[in-house]
Protein backbone atom coordinates (compact mmCIF):
# COMPACT_ATOMS: atom_id res chain seq x y z
CA MET A 1 -40.46 31.59 20.77
CA ILE A 2 -37.44 33.03 19.02
CA ASP A 3 -37.25 36.73 18.61
CA CYS A 4 -36.54 36.90 14.84
CA THR A 5 -36.20 40.61 14.79
CA HIS A 6 -32.78 40.10 16.23
CA ASN A 7 -31.06 38.82 13.07
CA GLU A 8 -27.81 37.95 14.96
CA GLN A 9 -29.64 35.50 17.06
CA VAL A 10 -31.06 33.84 14.02
CA LYS A 11 -27.75 33.73 12.29
CA ALA A 12 -26.27 32.01 15.37
CA MET A 13 -28.73 29.20 15.28
CA PRO A 14 -27.88 25.75 13.86
CA ASP A 15 -29.53 24.92 10.44
CA ALA A 16 -31.77 22.30 12.09
CA GLU A 17 -33.09 24.85 14.69
CA VAL A 18 -33.79 27.50 12.04
CA LEU A 19 -35.63 24.95 9.97
CA ALA A 20 -37.55 23.71 12.84
CA ALA A 21 -38.56 27.23 14.09
CA TYR A 22 -39.75 28.07 10.37
CA GLU A 23 -41.85 24.85 10.38
CA ARG A 24 -43.46 26.06 13.65
CA THR A 25 -44.73 29.28 11.87
CA ASN A 26 -47.58 29.38 9.57
CA GLY A 27 -45.26 30.36 6.73
CA GLU A 28 -47.56 33.10 5.59
CA PRO A 29 -45.99 35.94 3.73
CA GLY A 30 -46.22 39.05 6.05
CA ASN A 31 -45.61 37.07 9.22
CA PRO A 32 -42.39 38.77 10.49
CA GLU A 33 -41.10 35.61 12.20
CA ALA A 34 -41.64 33.36 9.27
CA ASP A 35 -40.08 36.04 6.76
CA ALA A 36 -37.00 36.28 8.94
CA LEU A 37 -36.53 32.64 9.21
CA LEU A 38 -37.17 31.92 5.56
CA ALA A 39 -34.66 34.69 4.75
CA GLU A 40 -32.21 32.95 6.76
CA LEU A 41 -32.97 29.53 5.28
CA LYS A 42 -32.47 31.07 1.81
CA ARG A 43 -29.15 32.79 2.92
CA ARG A 44 -27.92 29.28 3.90
CA ASN A 45 -29.18 27.75 0.70
CA LEU A 46 -31.77 25.59 2.80
CA GLY A 47 -34.94 27.34 1.57
CA GLU A 48 -37.05 27.48 -1.60
C-alpha cells in the first residue's frame, strides 16, 4: 500500500502507477488514499 499522506511520494510516481493505485481504492469520497490519488490524477490532467 502506498502512503498517500506523503504527497511527494505520490508526485514521484509514474502516471500508470498513480492510476493503478487509485483503481485499487474504493474511490469513495472521504477515503484519504483515494482522495490523494484522485487529486494527483487531476493535477496531471488524467482524472475526471
